[in-house]
Amino acid sequence: MDFNVKKLASGAGVFFTRAVQFTEEKLGQAEKTELDPHLENLITRADCTKNWTEKILRQTEVLLQPNPSARIEEFIYDKLDKKLPSRTTNPELLGQYMLEAAKEFGPGTPYGSTLITVGEYQKRLGGAERELLQTSAAGFLTPLRNFLEGDWRTISKERRLLENRRLDLDICKARVKKAKLAEAKAAAAPDFQETRPRNYVLSASASALLSEEVDKAEHELRVAQTEFDRQAEVTRLLLEGISSTHLNHLRCLQDFAEAQATYYAQCHHYMQDLQRELNKCANAVSTPHPTAAACPDPVSSAFLSGPSSPGATVSSQPSQRPSTLAMEQTQLPVTGTRKAKVLYDYDAHDVSELSLLADELITVHTVPGMDPDWLVGERGNQKGKVPVTYLELLS
């Protein structure tokens, strides 16, 4: 118990002297040891990295989860180190409501069947969003949090220790300066007013004490300098590791951008499919008895599973059909064949489409009257429609 009290008193004394030194430095009444420029630049760079990482992390969380309550819930579960319960995404919830409404209105009615179609695609969009959230959380948000809660805390701890070592060093410098000043003052003005031997003994004793005080202060200064240099080296090594952090965050950022690209490509593909399904439903309602005029264009019937784009819609009146075809040929001329690299896997939805594998090379071209979001792909003897968003056209 006595040892703990002494240790506590000693720690309080050190804290007080550091506080005095820090205050005097701020007031310009004490000298301050400056860090070398390289270390100062590393500290500035580290602070900048920490500040921007916090902002990017916070805004990415808002982007992926706009609901503040949901973000608070995720934060609590993360701090409690518990698994977050599976949450239904907004498109999935919308799709579920549409399917339930279709049951009420009747699946066989035009409105009910359309609700079922749109609801199913909303659930697909929700599944794609869920995959984006999971991929982004694991590949982007988690590394940023690990840096702020792990590496940065270690760096901050060592920087505080370095600041304490610097204050101790400056305190020792001030003590040495003060001891040498007292020694020089005593040597310059000795007390010889009395000639009794006792005064000579006292004067010699005082000089010896002052000399010991100087030696002690210089020894403490050397120890403080050594500890400061050692801590400065440790802090420098940690701060230089920020470069590795930037490389890691760069890879995570690329993964995040790729996850977003995949998500938006899936959404675009789903919406294209939904538009074709809705156009089929609209044609089925407006023309219950198909006629020759309502059939797909012969040029594109081998490739299109549904109606073409609005600009290329075939008219139901025979008198307007030649002018419509002429407009299609003017807007979408036949292009030469080109090579294309497949970016993502794609499963054909019907016999008119061509399944794709990521990174394979295929030959593509277009034909008049074809949806601009689609191309005709060829792989050996296989031919079919392929979505443009899944391809990278090569020169």
Protein backbone atom coordinates (compact mmCIF):
# COMPACT_ATOMS: atom_id res chain seq x y z
CA MET A 1 0.00 0.00 0.00
CA ASP A 2 2.83 2.38 0.85
CA PHE A 3 4.47 1.62 -2.51
CA ASN A 4 1.31 2.42 -4.41
CA VAL A 5 0.90 5.74 -2.62
CA LYS A 6 4.48 6.72 -3.43
CA LYS A 7 4.01 5.69 -7.04
CA LEU A 8 0.79 7.68 -7.27
CA ALA A 9 2.49 10.73 -5.75
CA SER A 10 5.42 10.38 -8.14
CA GLY A 11 3.07 10.12 -11.12
CA ALA A 12 1.15 13.17 -9.98
CA GLY A 13 4.41 15.10 -9.66
CA VAL A 14 5.48 14.13 -13.20
CA PHE A 15 2.08 15.10 -14.56
CA PHE A 16 2.27 18.47 -12.82
CA THR A 17 5.75 19.30 -14.13
CA ARG A 18 4.68 18.32 -17.66
CA ALA A 19 1.60 20.53 -17.36
CA VAL A 20 3.75 23.45 -16.22
CA GLN A 21 6.20 22.91 -19.10
CA PHE A 22 3.37 22.67 -21.64
CA THR A 23 1.72 25.85 -20.34
CA GLU A 24 4.97 27.79 -20.38
CA GLU A 25 5.62 26.67 -23.96
CA LYS A 26 2.18 27.89 -25.02
CA LEU A 27 2.84 31.23 -23.33
CA GLY A 28 6.27 31.53 -24.92
CA GLN A 29 8.09 31.37 -21.60
CA ALA A 30 9.94 28.08 -22.22
CA GLU A 31 11.89 26.56 -25.08
CA LYS A 32 10.38 23.70 -27.05
CA THR A 33 12.24 20.89 -28.80
CA GLU A 34 11.04 20.75 -32.40
CA LEU A 35 10.60 17.45 -34.24
CA ASP A 36 12.57 16.89 -37.42
CA PRO A 37 10.77 17.99 -40.65
CA HIS A 38 10.39 14.42 -41.95
CA LEU A 39 8.56 13.33 -38.80
CA GLU A 40 6.39 16.44 -38.88
CA ASN A 41 5.39 15.68 -42.48
CA LEU A 42 4.54 12.09 -41.52
CA ILE A 43 2.36 13.32 -38.66
CA THR A 44 0.53 15.77 -40.94
CA ARG A 45 -0.03 13.05 -43.53
CA ALA A 46 -1.32 10.64 -40.90
CA ASP A 47 -3.77 13.23 -39.53
CA CYS A 48 -5.03 13.90 -43.04
CA THR A 49 -5.48 10.17 -43.66
CA LYS A 50 -7.41 9.73 -40.44
CA ASN A 51 -9.72 12.70 -41.06
CA TRP A 52 -10.60 11.76 -44.64
CA THR A 53 -11.00 8.09 -43.79
CA GLU A 54 -13.58 9.04 -41.17
CA LYS A 55 -15.47 11.22 -43.64
CA ILE A 56 -15.40 8.61 -46.42
CA LEU A 57 -16.51 5.86 -44.03
CA ARG A 58 -19.35 7.95 -42.63
CA GLN A 59 -20.64 9.02 -46.06
CA THR A 60 -20.37 5.49 -47.49
CA GLU A 61 -22.48 4.23 -44.61
CA VAL A 62 -25.07 6.92 -45.43
CA LEU A 63 -24.98 5.91 -49.11
CA LEU A 64 -25.49 2.22 -48.40
CA GLN A 65 -27.96 2.69 -45.55
CA PRO A 66 -29.82 6.04 -45.67
CA ASN A 67 -31.94 5.13 -42.61
CA PRO A 68 -30.28 6.64 -39.49
CA SER A 69 -32.09 4.22 -37.16
CA ALA A 70 -30.79 1.24 -39.10
CA ARG A 71 -27.24 2.64 -38.94
CA ILE A 72 -27.52 3.09 -35.17
CA GLU A 73 -28.73 -0.48 -34.85
CA GLU A 74 -25.79 -1.74 -36.93
CA PHE A 75 -23.39 0.29 -34.76
CA ILE A 76 -24.80 -1.19 -31.55
CA TYR A 77 -24.60 -4.74 -32.83
CA ASP A 78 -21.05 -4.12 -34.00
CA LYS A 79 -19.98 -2.78 -30.59
CA LEU A 80 -21.65 -5.72 -28.85
CA ASP A 81 -19.84 -8.05 -31.26
CA LYS A 82 -23.12 -9.69 -32.24
CA LYS A 83 -24.35 -10.74 -35.65
CA LEU A 84 -26.80 -8.29 -37.18
CA PRO A 85 -30.20 -9.88 -37.94
CA SER A 86 -31.06 -10.19 -41.61
CA ARG A 87 -32.99 -7.10 -42.72
CA THR A 88 -35.35 -6.98 -45.71
CA THR A 89 -34.29 -4.36 -48.25
CA ASN A 90 -36.76 -1.74 -49.43
CA PRO A 91 -37.15 -3.20 -52.95
CA GLU A 92 -37.76 -6.65 -51.46
CA LEU A 93 -40.41 -5.23 -49.14
CA LEU A 94 -42.04 -3.39 -52.04
CA GLY A 95 -42.03 -6.56 -54.11
CA GLN A 96 -43.63 -8.52 -51.27
CA TYR A 97 -46.41 -5.91 -50.95
CA MET A 98 -47.06 -6.10 -54.69
CA LEU A 99 -47.34 -9.90 -54.61
CA GLU A 100 -49.74 -9.75 -51.67
CA ALA A 101 -51.81 -7.09 -53.45
CA ALA A 102 -51.95 -9.29 -56.57
CA LYS A 103 -53.52 -12.06 -54.51
CA GLU A 104 -56.22 -9.65 -53.36
CA PHE A 105 -56.98 -8.25 -56.81
CA GLY A 106 -56.72 -11.61 -58.56
CA PRO A 107 -53.65 -12.98 -60.36
CA GLY A 108 -55.65 -13.48 -63.51
CA THR A 109 -56.60 -9.82 -63.91
CA PRO A 110 -54.36 -7.52 -65.98
CA TYR A 111 -53.55 -5.42 -62.92
CA GLY A 112 -52.89 -8.44 -60.72
CA SER A 113 -50.63 -10.16 -63.26
CA THR A 114 -48.67 -6.93 -63.76
CA LEU A 115 -48.26 -6.56 -60.00
CA ILE A 116 -46.84 -10.08 -59.87
CA THR A 117 -44.38 -9.35 -62.69
CA VAL A 118 -43.18 -6.05 -61.22
CA GLY A 119 -43.10 -7.48 -57.70
CA GLU A 120 -40.85 -10.37 -58.74
CA TYR A 121 -38.39 -8.01 -60.38
CA GLN A 122 -38.45 -5.72 -57.34
CA LYS A 123 -37.44 -8.69 -55.22
CA ARG A 124 -34.59 -9.37 -57.66
CA LEU A 125 -33.48 -5.76 -57.33
CA GLY A 126 -33.61 -6.13 -53.56
CA GLY A 127 -31.47 -9.25 -53.74
CA ALA A 128 -28.89 -7.38 -55.82
CA GLU A 129 -28.92 -4.54 -53.29
CA ARG A 130 -28.43 -7.00 -50.43
CA GLU A 131 -25.43 -8.49 -52.23
CA LEU A 132 -23.98 -4.99 -52.74
CA LEU A 133 -24.40 -4.18 -49.03
CA GLN A 134 -22.72 -7.40 -47.94
CA THR A 135 -19.85 -7.06 -50.42
CA SER A 136 -19.25 -3.39 -49.60
CA ALA A 137 -19.37 -3.98 -45.85
CA ALA A 138 -16.83 -6.82 -46.00
CA GLY A 139 -14.52 -5.39 -48.66
CA PHE A 140 -14.61 -1.64 -48.01
CA LEU A 141 -16.23 -0.53 -44.75
CA THR A 142 -14.58 -3.14 -42.53
CA PRO A 143 -10.98 -2.29 -43.61
CA LEU A 144 -11.64 1.41 -43.00
CA ARG A 145 -13.04 0.70 -39.54
CA ASN A 146 -10.13 -1.61 -38.74
CA PHE A 147 -7.70 1.19 -39.54
CA LEU A 148 -9.51 3.74 -37.37
CA GLU A 149 -10.10 1.37 -34.46
CA GLY A 150 -6.80 -0.51 -34.65
CA ASP A 151 -3.81 1.04 -36.42
CA TRP A 152 -4.82 4.62 -35.71
CA ARG A 153 -5.31 3.99 -32.00
CA THR A 154 -1.81 2.50 -31.82
CA ILE A 155 -0.38 5.49 -33.67
CA SER A 156 -2.22 7.93 -31.40
CA LYS A 157 -0.94 6.14 -28.30
CA GLU A 158 2.68 6.29 -29.48
CA ARG A 159 2.30 9.94 -30.47
CA ARG A 160 1.05 10.83 -26.98
CA LEU A 161 4.00 8.95 -25.52
CA LEU A 162 6.34 10.86 -27.83
CA GLU A 163 4.84 14.16 -26.68
CA ASN A 164 5.42 13.15 -23.04
CA ARG A 165 9.03 12.22 -23.81
CA ARG A 166 9.51 15.60 -25.48
CA LEU A 167 8.12 17.43 -22.45
CA ASP A 168 10.41 15.40 -20.16
CA LEU A 169 13.37 16.27 -22.39
CA ASP A 170 12.57 19.97 -22.29
CA ILE A 171 12.11 19.83 -18.51
CA CYS A 172 15.56 18.26 -18.17
CA LYS A 173 17.06 20.89 -20.45
CA ALA A 174 15.56 23.62 -18.29
CA ARG A 175 16.95 21.98 -15.12
CA VAL A 176 20.46 21.75 -16.59
CA LYS A 177 20.30 25.36 -17.67
CA LYS A 178 19.10 26.46 -14.24
CA ALA A 179 21.75 24.38 -12.38
CA LYS A 180 24.59 25.71 -14.53
CA LEU A 181 23.37 29.25 -14.06
CA ALA A 182 23.35 28.82 -10.28
CA GLU A 183 26.82 27.28 -10.35
CA ALA A 184 28.22 30.10 -12.44
CA LYS A 185 26.63 32.72 -10.22
CA ALA A 186 28.12 31.11 -7.07
CA ALA A 187 31.56 30.92 -8.67
CA ALA A 188 31.47 34.53 -9.80
CA ALA A 189 30.42 35.98 -6.41
CA PRO A 190 31.84 33.90 -3.50
CA ASP A 191 31.10 34.98 0.08
CA PHE A 192 34.45 36.09 1.55
CA GLN A 193 33.08 38.75 3.86
CA GLU A 194 34.01 36.69 6.89
CA THR A 195 37.48 35.16 7.26
CA ARG A 196 36.58 32.49 9.72
CA PRO A 197 37.42 28.94 8.57
CA ARG A 198 33.77 27.93 8.99
CA ASN A 199 32.68 30.15 6.11
CA TYR A 200 35.31 28.66 3.77
CA VAL A 201 34.01 25.18 4.60
CA LEU A 202 30.42 26.21 3.91
CA SER A 203 31.38 27.83 0.62
CA ALA A 204 33.23 24.73 -0.54
CA SER A 205 30.29 22.54 0.50
CA ALA A 206 27.84 24.71 -1.47
CA SER A 207 30.04 24.54 -4.57
CA ALA A 208 30.17 20.76 -4.30
CA LEU A 209 26.38 20.57 -3.99
CA LEU A 210 25.91 22.78 -7.01
CA SER A 211 28.35 20.69 -9.00
CA GLU A 212 26.51 17.52 -8.03
CA GLU A 213 23.25 19.13 -9.02
CA VAL A 214 24.67 19.95 -12.45
CA ASP A 215 25.97 16.38 -12.90
CA LYS A 216 22.63 14.93 -11.87
CA ALA A 217 20.71 17.21 -14.22
CA GLU A 218 23.03 16.35 -17.14
CA HIS A 219 22.61 12.63 -16.43
CA GLU A 220 18.81 12.99 -16.43
CA LEU A 221 19.08 14.97 -19.66
CA ARG A 222 21.05 12.19 -21.37
CA VAL A 223 18.48 9.59 -20.24
CA ALA A 224 15.60 11.77 -21.41
CA GLN A 225 17.31 12.37 -24.76
CA THR A 226 17.79 8.62 -25.27
CA GLU A 227 14.15 7.85 -24.44
CA PHE A 228 12.96 10.65 -26.72
CA ASP A 229 15.07 9.43 -29.64
CA ARG A 230 13.86 5.85 -29.16
CA GLN A 231 10.21 6.90 -29.03
CA ALA A 232 10.65 9.17 -32.05
CA GLU A 233 11.98 6.20 -34.04
CA VAL A 234 9.06 3.98 -32.98
CA THR A 235 6.57 6.68 -33.93
CA ARG A 236 8.32 7.28 -37.26
CA LEU A 237 8.10 3.59 -38.21
CA LEU A 238 4.40 3.50 -37.39
CA LEU A 239 3.70 6.68 -39.37
CA GLU A 240 5.61 5.38 -42.39
CA GLY A 241 3.18 2.44 -42.36
CA ILE A 242 0.49 4.87 -43.55
CA SER A 243 1.78 4.24 -47.08
CA SER A 244 0.83 0.58 -46.74
CA THR A 245 -2.56 1.68 -45.42
CA HIS A 246 -3.09 3.77 -48.55
CA LEU A 247 -2.30 0.78 -50.77
CA ASN A 248 -4.72 -1.40 -48.82
CA HIS A 249 -7.46 1.23 -49.03
CA LEU A 250 -6.76 1.57 -52.76
CA ARG A 251 -7.46 -2.12 -53.31
CA CYS A 252 -10.58 -1.90 -51.16
CA LEU A 253 -11.76 1.13 -53.14
CA GLN A 254 -11.33 -0.76 -56.40
CA ASP A 255 -13.33 -3.68 -54.99
CA PHE A 256 -16.06 -1.28 -53.90
CA ALA A 257 -16.25 0.32 -57.35
CA GLU A 258 -16.41 -3.13 -58.95
CA ALA A 259 -19.22 -4.17 -56.58
CA GLN A 260 -21.13 -1.02 -57.52
CA ALA A 261 -20.58 -1.67 -61.23
CA THR A 262 -21.89 -5.22 -60.86
CA TYR A 263 -24.90 -4.01 -58.90
CA TYR A 264 -25.89 -1.34 -61.40
CA ALA A 265 -25.34 -3.72 -64.31
CA GLN A 266 -27.65 -6.24 -62.67
CA CYS A 267 -30.25 -3.55 -62.01
CA HIS A 268 -30.05 -2.36 -65.61
CA HIS A 269 -30.46 -5.90 -66.88
CA TYR A 270 -33.42 -6.59 -64.59
CA MET A 271 -35.16 -3.39 -65.66
CA GLN A 272 -34.66 -4.22 -69.32
CA ASP A 273 -36.20 -7.63 -68.75
CA LEU A 274 -39.06 -6.01 -66.82
CA GLN A 275 -39.74 -3.58 -69.67
CA ARG A 276 -39.91 -6.45 -72.15
CA GLU A 277 -42.29 -8.35 -69.88
CA LEU A 278 -44.51 -5.28 -69.48
CA ASN A 279 -44.52 -4.68 -73.22
CA LYS A 280 -45.57 -8.28 -73.76
CA CYS A 281 -48.41 -7.82 -71.30
CA ALA A 282 -49.46 -4.56 -72.96
CA ASN A 283 -49.45 -6.19 -76.41
CA ALA A 284 -51.42 -9.14 -75.09
CA VAL A 285 -54.11 -6.81 -73.70
CA SER A 286 -54.31 -4.52 -76.75
CA THR A 287 -54.21 -7.30 -79.39
CA PRO A 288 -55.92 -10.43 -78.02
CA HIS A 289 -56.08 -11.91 -81.56
CA PRO A 290 -52.61 -11.63 -83.09
CA THR A 291 -52.43 -10.46 -86.69
CA ALA A 292 -49.64 -10.37 -89.19
CA ALA A 293 -49.13 -6.68 -88.53
CA ALA A 294 -48.45 -7.33 -84.82
CA CYS A 295 -45.72 -9.92 -85.34
CA PRO A 296 -42.09 -9.03 -84.67
CA ASP A 297 -40.01 -7.61 -87.46
CA PRO A 298 -38.59 -10.46 -89.58
CA VAL A 299 -35.11 -8.99 -89.47
CA SER A 300 -34.87 -9.14 -85.68
CA SER A 301 -37.29 -11.98 -84.85
CA ALA A 302 -34.43 -14.47 -84.62
CA PHE A 303 -32.81 -12.43 -81.85
CA LEU A 304 -35.52 -10.52 -79.97
CA SER A 305 -37.56 -12.36 -77.37
CA GLY A 306 -39.74 -9.29 -76.74
CA PRO A 307 -40.59 -6.02 -78.45
CA SER A 308 -37.77 -3.70 -79.43
CA SER A 309 -37.11 -0.24 -78.03
CA PRO A 310 -39.79 2.49 -78.21
CA GLY A 311 -38.07 4.10 -81.17
CA ALA A 312 -38.21 0.82 -83.04
CA THR A 313 -41.76 -0.33 -82.13
CA VAL A 314 -43.59 -1.89 -85.04
CA SER A 315 -46.84 -0.13 -85.89
CA SER A 316 -50.11 -2.06 -85.79
CA GLN A 317 -51.33 -0.26 -88.97
CA PRO A 318 -50.03 -1.68 -92.27
CA SER A 319 -50.02 1.77 -93.92
CA GLN A 320 -47.39 3.07 -91.46
CA ARG A 321 -45.12 0.00 -91.47
CA PRO A 322 -42.79 0.97 -94.40
CA SER A 323 -42.03 4.43 -92.94
CA THR A 324 -41.29 2.91 -89.52
CA LEU A 325 -38.82 0.43 -90.99
CA ALA A 326 -37.17 3.20 -92.98
CA MET A 327 -36.70 5.25 -89.79
CA GLU A 328 -35.17 2.24 -88.00
CA GLN A 329 -32.67 1.71 -90.79
CA THR A 330 -31.72 5.40 -90.69
CA GLN A 331 -31.14 5.48 -86.92
CA LEU A 332 -29.49 2.07 -86.45
CA PRO A 333 -27.38 1.15 -89.47
CA VAL A 334 -25.73 -2.21 -89.74
CA THR A 335 -22.24 -2.13 -88.20
CA GLY A 336 -19.27 -4.31 -88.90
CA THR A 337 -18.32 -7.16 -86.63
CA ARG A 338 -16.12 -6.41 -83.63
CA LYS A 339 -14.48 -8.36 -80.89
CA ALA A 340 -15.79 -7.90 -77.35
CA LYS A 341 -14.61 -9.06 -73.94
CA VAL A 342 -17.24 -10.37 -71.54
CA LEU A 343 -17.14 -8.54 -68.17
CA TYR A 344 -19.59 -10.67 -66.17
CA ASP A 345 -21.30 -14.04 -66.39
CA TYR A 346 -24.71 -13.94 -68.07
CA ASP A 347 -27.37 -16.65 -68.26
CA ALA A 348 -29.62 -16.58 -71.29
CA HIS A 349 -33.30 -16.10 -70.46
CA ASP A 350 -34.61 -17.71 -73.67
CA VAL A 351 -33.40 -19.38 -76.87
CA SER A 352 -32.88 -16.02 -78.61
CA GLU A 353 -30.13 -15.01 -76.13
CA LEU A 354 -26.55 -16.23 -75.78
CA SER A 355 -25.11 -17.22 -72.39
CA LEU A 356 -21.77 -15.60 -71.52
CA LEU A 357 -18.79 -16.40 -69.33
CA ALA A 358 -16.66 -13.67 -67.78
CA ASP A 359 -13.35 -12.85 -69.60
CA GLU A 360 -14.21 -14.77 -72.77
CA LEU A 361 -13.95 -13.13 -76.22
CA ILE A 362 -16.87 -13.14 -78.64
CA THR A 363 -17.75 -11.50 -81.96
CA VAL A 364 -20.59 -8.97 -81.91
CA HIS A 365 -22.55 -6.91 -84.41
CA THR A 366 -25.95 -5.22 -84.65
CA VAL A 367 -28.79 -5.19 -87.17
CA PRO A 368 -31.41 -2.58 -88.13
CA GLY A 369 -34.39 -2.45 -85.81
CA MET A 370 -32.54 -3.99 -82.88
CA ASP A 371 -32.73 -2.62 -79.34
CA PRO A 372 -29.63 -0.38 -78.87
CA ASP A 373 -28.99 -1.99 -75.48
CA TRP A 374 -28.40 -5.36 -77.15
CA LEU A 375 -25.98 -6.78 -79.72
CA VAL A 376 -25.84 -10.01 -81.68
CA GLY A 377 -23.08 -12.19 -80.27
CA GLU A 378 -21.39 -15.13 -81.95
CA ARG A 379 -19.25 -17.84 -80.41
CA GLY A 380 -18.36 -20.50 -82.93
CA ASN A 381 -21.64 -21.88 -84.25
CA GLN A 382 -23.65 -20.30 -81.41
CA LYS A 383 -25.45 -17.01 -81.99
CA GLY A 384 -27.83 -14.92 -79.91
CA LYS A 385 -28.59 -11.60 -78.26
CA VAL A 386 -26.19 -10.31 -75.61
CA PRO A 387 -26.58 -7.20 -73.35
CA VAL A 388 -24.18 -4.35 -74.11
CA THR A 389 -23.62 -3.63 -70.40
CA TYR A 390 -21.94 -7.02 -69.97
CA LEU A 391 -19.37 -6.34 -72.71
CA GLU A 392 -16.23 -4.32 -73.28
CA LEU A 393 -15.96 -3.57 -76.99
CA LEU A 394 -12.46 -3.97 -78.37
CA SER A 395 -11.03 -2.07 -81.32
